[in-house]
Protein backbone atom coordinates (compact mmCIF):
# COMPACT_ATOMS: atom_id res chain seq x y z
CA UNK A 1 0.00 0.00 0.00
CA UNK A 2 1.39 3.40 -0.97
CA UNK A 3 1.49 6.52 1.12
CA UNK A 4 -1.42 8.92 0.92
CA UNK A 5 -0.88 12.00 -1.21
CA UNK A 6 -2.81 14.12 1.32
CA UNK A 7 0.29 15.67 2.96
CA UNK A 8 1.73 16.71 -0.40
CA UNK A 9 -1.63 17.99 -1.64
CA UNK A 10 -2.15 19.83 1.64
CA UNK A 11 1.25 21.46 1.31
CA UNK A 12 0.51 22.55 -2.26
CA UNK A 13 -2.79 24.14 -1.21
CA UNK A 14 -1.08 25.88 1.72
CA UNK A 15 1.70 27.16 -0.55
CA UNK A 16 -0.75 28.46 -3.15
CA UNK A 17 -2.93 30.20 -0.57
CA UNK A 18 0.04 31.78 1.23
CA UNK A 19 1.38 33.14 -2.04
CA UNK A 20 -2.03 34.55 -3.02
CA UNK A 21 -1.65 37.17 -0.33
CA UNK A 22 -3.33 38.37 2.85
CA UNK A 23 -6.86 37.88 1.55
CA UNK A 24 -6.21 34.12 1.43
CA UNK A 25 -4.39 33.71 4.74
CA UNK A 26 -7.25 34.15 7.18
CA UNK A 27 -9.26 31.07 6.26
CA UNK A 28 -6.35 28.82 5.31
CA UNK A 29 -6.30 26.53 8.39
CA UNK A 30 -10.06 26.04 8.11
CA UNK A 31 -9.79 25.33 4.38
CA UNK A 32 -7.17 22.66 5.07
CA UNK A 33 -9.28 21.07 7.82
CA UNK A 34 -12.38 21.11 5.60
CA UNK A 35 -10.53 19.54 2.67
CA UNK A 36 -8.92 16.87 4.89
CA UNK A 37 -11.20 16.34 7.92
CA UNK A 38 -9.69 12.92 8.69
CA UNK A 39 -6.10 14.20 8.62
CA UNK A 40 -4.27 14.45 11.93
CA UNK A 41 -4.18 18.06 13.13
CA UNK A 42 -0.39 17.84 13.31
CA UNK A 43 -0.32 17.07 9.60
CA UNK A 44 -2.13 20.35 8.91
CA UNK A 45 0.46 22.19 11.01
CA UNK A 46 3.21 20.36 9.12
CA UNK A 47 1.73 21.45 5.76
CA UNK A 48 1.74 25.10 6.85
CA UNK A 49 5.34 24.92 8.04
CA UNK A 50 6.48 23.04 4.93
CA UNK A 51 4.83 25.68 2.73
CA UNK A 52 6.48 28.49 4.71
CA UNK A 53 9.86 26.77 4.41
CA UNK A 54 9.40 26.33 0.66
CA UNK A 55 8.66 30.02 0.30
CA UNK A 56 11.73 30.91 2.34
CA UNK A 57 13.84 28.58 0.25
CA UNK A 58 12.79 30.06 -3.07
CA UNK A 59 12.33 33.76 -2.42
CA UNK A 60 14.63 36.43 -1.08
CA UNK A 61 14.24 37.59 2.49
CA UNK A 62 12.63 41.00 2.50
CA UNK A 63 10.96 40.35 -0.85
CA UNK A 64 7.20 40.42 -1.30
CA UNK A 65 6.82 36.69 -0.63
CA UNK A 66 8.70 36.86 2.68
CA UNK A 67 5.56 37.97 4.53
CA UNK A 68 3.77 34.89 3.18
CA UNK A 69 6.39 32.65 4.82
CA UNK A 70 6.10 34.55 8.10
CA UNK A 71 2.32 34.21 7.97
CA UNK A 72 2.60 30.47 7.35
CA UNK A 73 4.65 30.11 10.52
CA UNK A 74 2.16 32.27 12.45
CA UNK A 75 -0.79 30.20 11.29
CA UNK A 76 1.02 27.00 12.26
CA UNK A 77 1.75 28.43 15.73
CA UNK A 78 -1.87 29.44 16.32
CA UNK A 79 -3.03 26.06 15.07
CA UNK A 80 -0.60 24.48 17.53
CA UNK A 81 -2.41 26.31 20.34
CA UNK A 82 -5.72 24.89 19.16
CA UNK A 83 -4.17 21.43 18.97
CA UNK A 84 -2.98 21.79 22.57
CA UNK A 85 -6.43 23.00 23.69
CA UNK A 86 -8.05 19.95 22.12
CA UNK A 87 -5.61 17.69 23.93
CA UNK A 88 -6.34 19.46 27.23
CA UNK A 89 -10.06 18.73 26.83
CA UNK A 90 -9.31 15.06 26.23
CA UNK A 91 -8.95 14.62 22.48
CA UNK A 92 -5.60 12.86 22.40
CA UNK A 93 -5.20 12.61 18.62
CA UNK A 94 -7.13 15.53 17.09
CA UNK A 95 -8.02 15.46 13.41
CA UNK A 96 -9.18 18.12 11.00
CA UNK A 97 -12.83 17.55 11.93
CA UNK A 98 -11.99 18.02 15.61
CA UNK A 99 -10.48 21.40 14.75
CA UNK A 100 -13.57 22.38 12.78
CA UNK A 101 -15.81 21.37 15.69
CA UNK A 102 -13.56 23.27 18.13
CA UNK A 103 -13.66 26.44 16.03
CA UNK A 104 -17.44 26.22 15.75
CA UNK A 105 -17.75 25.83 19.51
CA UNK A 106 -15.32 28.68 20.18
CA UNK A 107 -17.15 30.96 17.75
CA UNK A 108 -20.33 30.42 19.78
CA UNK A 109 -18.73 31.82 22.95
C-alpha atoms as a PDB file:
ATOM      1  CA  UNK A   1       0.000   0.000   0.000  1.00  0.00           C
ATOM      2  CA  UNK A   2       1.394   3.405  -0.974  1.00  0.00           C
ATOM      3  CA  UNK A   3       1.491   6.521   1.121  1.00  0.00           C
ATOM      4  CA  UNK A   4      -1.419   8.919   0.918  1.00  0.00           C
ATOM      5  CA  UNK A   5      -0.876  11.996  -1.214  1.00  0.00           C
ATOM      6  CA  UNK A   6      -2.807  14.124   1.320  1.00  0.00           C
ATOM      7  CA  UNK A   7       0.290  15.669   2.964  1.00  0.00           C
ATOM      8  CA  UNK A   8       1.729  16.712  -0.404  1.00  0.00           C
ATOM      9  CA  UNK A   9      -1.626  17.986  -1.642  1.00  0.00           C
ATOM     10  CA  UNK A  10      -2.154  19.826   1.638  1.00  0.00           C
ATOM     11  CA  UNK A  11       1.250  21.463   1.306  1.00  0.00           C
ATOM     12  CA  UNK A  12       0.508  22.551  -2.260  1.00  0.00           C
ATOM     13  CA  UNK A  13      -2.788  24.136  -1.212  1.00  0.00           C
ATOM     14  CA  UNK A  14      -1.077  25.880   1.722  1.00  0.00           C
ATOM     15  CA  UNK A  15       1.695  27.160  -0.547  1.00  0.00           C
ATOM     16  CA  UNK A  16      -0.755  28.459  -3.147  1.00  0.00           C
ATOM     17  CA  UNK A  17      -2.932  30.204  -0.569  1.00  0.00           C
ATOM     18  CA  UNK A  18       0.043  31.778   1.228  1.00  0.00           C
ATOM     19  CA  UNK A  19       1.382  33.144  -2.036  1.00  0.00           C
ATOM     20  CA  UNK A  20      -2.032  34.551  -3.020  1.00  0.00           C
ATOM     21  CA  UNK A  21      -1.649  37.169  -0.326  1.00  0.00           C
ATOM     22  CA  UNK A  22      -3.331  38.371   2.848  1.00  0.00           C
ATOM     23  CA  UNK A  23      -6.864  37.878   1.546  1.00  0.00           C
ATOM     24  CA  UNK A  24      -6.211  34.117   1.429  1.00  0.00           C
ATOM     25  CA  UNK A  25      -4.390  33.705   4.739  1.00  0.00           C
ATOM     26  CA  UNK A  26      -7.254  34.149   7.184  1.00  0.00           C
ATOM     27  CA  UNK A  27      -9.265  31.067   6.261  1.00  0.00           C
ATOM     28  CA  UNK A  28      -6.353  28.822   5.315  1.00  0.00           C
ATOM     29  CA  UNK A  29      -6.305  26.530   8.388  1.00  0.00           C
ATOM     30  CA  UNK A  30     -10.060  26.039   8.113  1.00  0.00           C
ATOM     31  CA  UNK A  31      -9.791  25.327   4.380  1.00  0.00           C
ATOM     32  CA  UNK A  32      -7.175  22.656   5.068  1.00  0.00           C
ATOM     33  CA  UNK A  33      -9.283  21.068   7.824  1.00  0.00           C
ATOM     34  CA  UNK A  34     -12.376  21.109   5.601  1.00  0.00           C
ATOM     35  CA  UNK A  35     -10.532  19.544   2.670  1.00  0.00           C
ATOM     36  CA  UNK A  36      -8.916  16.875   4.891  1.00  0.00           C
ATOM     37  CA  UNK A  37     -11.204  16.340   7.920  1.00  0.00           C
ATOM     38  CA  UNK A  38      -9.695  12.922   8.692  1.00  0.00           C
ATOM     39  CA  UNK A  39      -6.099  14.199   8.616  1.00  0.00           C
ATOM     40  CA  UNK A  40      -4.271  14.447  11.926  1.00  0.00           C
ATOM     41  CA  UNK A  41      -4.181  18.061  13.127  1.00  0.00           C
ATOM     42  CA  UNK A  42      -0.389  17.844  13.313  1.00  0.00           C
ATOM     43  CA  UNK A  43      -0.324  17.067   9.599  1.00  0.00           C
ATOM     44  CA  UNK A  44      -2.127  20.355   8.905  1.00  0.00           C
ATOM     45  CA  UNK A  45       0.456  22.188  11.012  1.00  0.00           C
ATOM     46  CA  UNK A  46       3.210  20.364   9.122  1.00  0.00           C
ATOM     47  CA  UNK A  47       1.726  21.451   5.764  1.00  0.00           C
ATOM     48  CA  UNK A  48       1.743  25.100   6.847  1.00  0.00           C
ATOM     49  CA  UNK A  49       5.339  24.919   8.044  1.00  0.00           C
ATOM     50  CA  UNK A  50       6.479  23.044   4.933  1.00  0.00           C
ATOM     51  CA  UNK A  51       4.829  25.680   2.726  1.00  0.00           C
ATOM     52  CA  UNK A  52       6.477  28.488   4.708  1.00  0.00           C
ATOM     53  CA  UNK A  53       9.861  26.772   4.411  1.00  0.00           C
ATOM     54  CA  UNK A  54       9.401  26.331   0.663  1.00  0.00           C
ATOM     55  CA  UNK A  55       8.658  30.022   0.297  1.00  0.00           C
ATOM     56  CA  UNK A  56      11.733  30.913   2.336  1.00  0.00           C
ATOM     57  CA  UNK A  57      13.837  28.579   0.245  1.00  0.00           C
ATOM     58  CA  UNK A  58      12.787  30.063  -3.074  1.00  0.00           C
ATOM     59  CA  UNK A  59      12.325  33.755  -2.423  1.00  0.00           C
ATOM     60  CA  UNK A  60      14.628  36.426  -1.081  1.00  0.00           C
ATOM     61  CA  UNK A  61      14.240  37.587   2.493  1.00  0.00           C
ATOM     62  CA  UNK A  62      12.632  41.001   2.500  1.00  0.00           C
ATOM     63  CA  UNK A  63      10.962  40.348  -0.853  1.00  0.00           C
ATOM     64  CA  UNK A  64       7.203  40.420  -1.301  1.00  0.00           C
ATOM     65  CA  UNK A  65       6.817  36.692  -0.627  1.00  0.00           C
ATOM     66  CA  UNK A  66       8.705  36.857   2.677  1.00  0.00           C
ATOM     67  CA  UNK A  67       5.559  37.972   4.533  1.00  0.00           C
ATOM     68  CA  UNK A  68       3.772  34.889   3.178  1.00  0.00           C
ATOM     69  CA  UNK A  69       6.386  32.654   4.823  1.00  0.00           C
ATOM     70  CA  UNK A  70       6.101  34.551   8.100  1.00  0.00           C
ATOM     71  CA  UNK A  71       2.319  34.214   7.967  1.00  0.00           C
ATOM     72  CA  UNK A  72       2.604  30.467   7.352  1.00  0.00           C
ATOM     73  CA  UNK A  73       4.647  30.107  10.525  1.00  0.00           C
ATOM     74  CA  UNK A  74       2.164  32.273  12.447  1.00  0.00           C
ATOM     75  CA  UNK A  75      -0.793  30.198  11.286  1.00  0.00           C
ATOM     76  CA  UNK A  76       1.024  26.998  12.262  1.00  0.00           C
ATOM     77  CA  UNK A  77       1.747  28.430  15.729  1.00  0.00           C
ATOM     78  CA  UNK A  78      -1.874  29.442  16.321  1.00  0.00           C
ATOM     79  CA  UNK A  79      -3.031  26.064  15.070  1.00  0.00           C
ATOM     80  CA  UNK A  80      -0.604  24.483  17.529  1.00  0.00           C
ATOM     81  CA  UNK A  81      -2.412  26.307  20.341  1.00  0.00           C
ATOM     82  CA  UNK A  82      -5.723  24.889  19.159  1.00  0.00           C
ATOM     83  CA  UNK A  83      -4.170  21.429  18.969  1.00  0.00           C
ATOM     84  CA  UNK A  84      -2.978  21.791  22.567  1.00  0.00           C
ATOM     85  CA  UNK A  85      -6.429  23.005  23.690  1.00  0.00           C
ATOM     86  CA  UNK A  86      -8.045  19.951  22.122  1.00  0.00           C
ATOM     87  CA  UNK A  87      -5.607  17.693  23.930  1.00  0.00           C
ATOM     88  CA  UNK A  88      -6.340  19.461  27.229  1.00  0.00           C
ATOM     89  CA  UNK A  89     -10.059  18.734  26.829  1.00  0.00           C
ATOM     90  CA  UNK A  90      -9.315  15.056  26.233  1.00  0.00           C
ATOM     91  CA  UNK A  91      -8.948  14.618  22.482  1.00  0.00           C
ATOM     92  CA  UNK A  92      -5.604  12.862  22.399  1.00  0.00           C
ATOM     93  CA  UNK A  93      -5.204  12.605  18.617  1.00  0.00           C
ATOM     94  CA  UNK A  94      -7.126  15.531  17.091  1.00  0.00           C
ATOM     95  CA  UNK A  95      -8.015  15.455  13.415  1.00  0.00           C
ATOM     96  CA  UNK A  96      -9.180  18.119  11.002  1.00  0.00           C
ATOM     97  CA  UNK A  97     -12.827  17.552  11.927  1.00  0.00           C
ATOM     98  CA  UNK A  98     -11.989  18.023  15.610  1.00  0.00           C
ATOM     99  CA  UNK A  99     -10.476  21.398  14.753  1.00  0.00           C
ATOM    100  CA  UNK A 100     -13.574  22.377  12.776  1.00  0.00           C
ATOM    101  CA  UNK A 101     -15.813  21.369  15.694  1.00  0.00           C
ATOM    102  CA  UNK A 102     -13.565  23.273  18.130  1.00  0.00           C
ATOM    103  CA  UNK A 103     -13.657  26.435  16.034  1.00  0.00           C
ATOM    104  CA  UNK A 104     -17.436  26.216  15.745  1.00  0.00           C
ATOM    105  CA  UNK A 105     -17.750  25.830  19.507  1.00  0.00           C
ATOM    106  CA  UNK A 106     -15.323  28.679  20.181  1.00  0.00           C
ATOM    107  CA  UNK A 107     -17.153  30.955  17.754  1.00  0.00           C
ATOM    108  CA  UNK A 108     -20.329  30.424  19.779  1.00  0.00           C
ATOM    109  CA  UNK A 109     -18.729  31.824  22.954  1.00  0.00           C
END
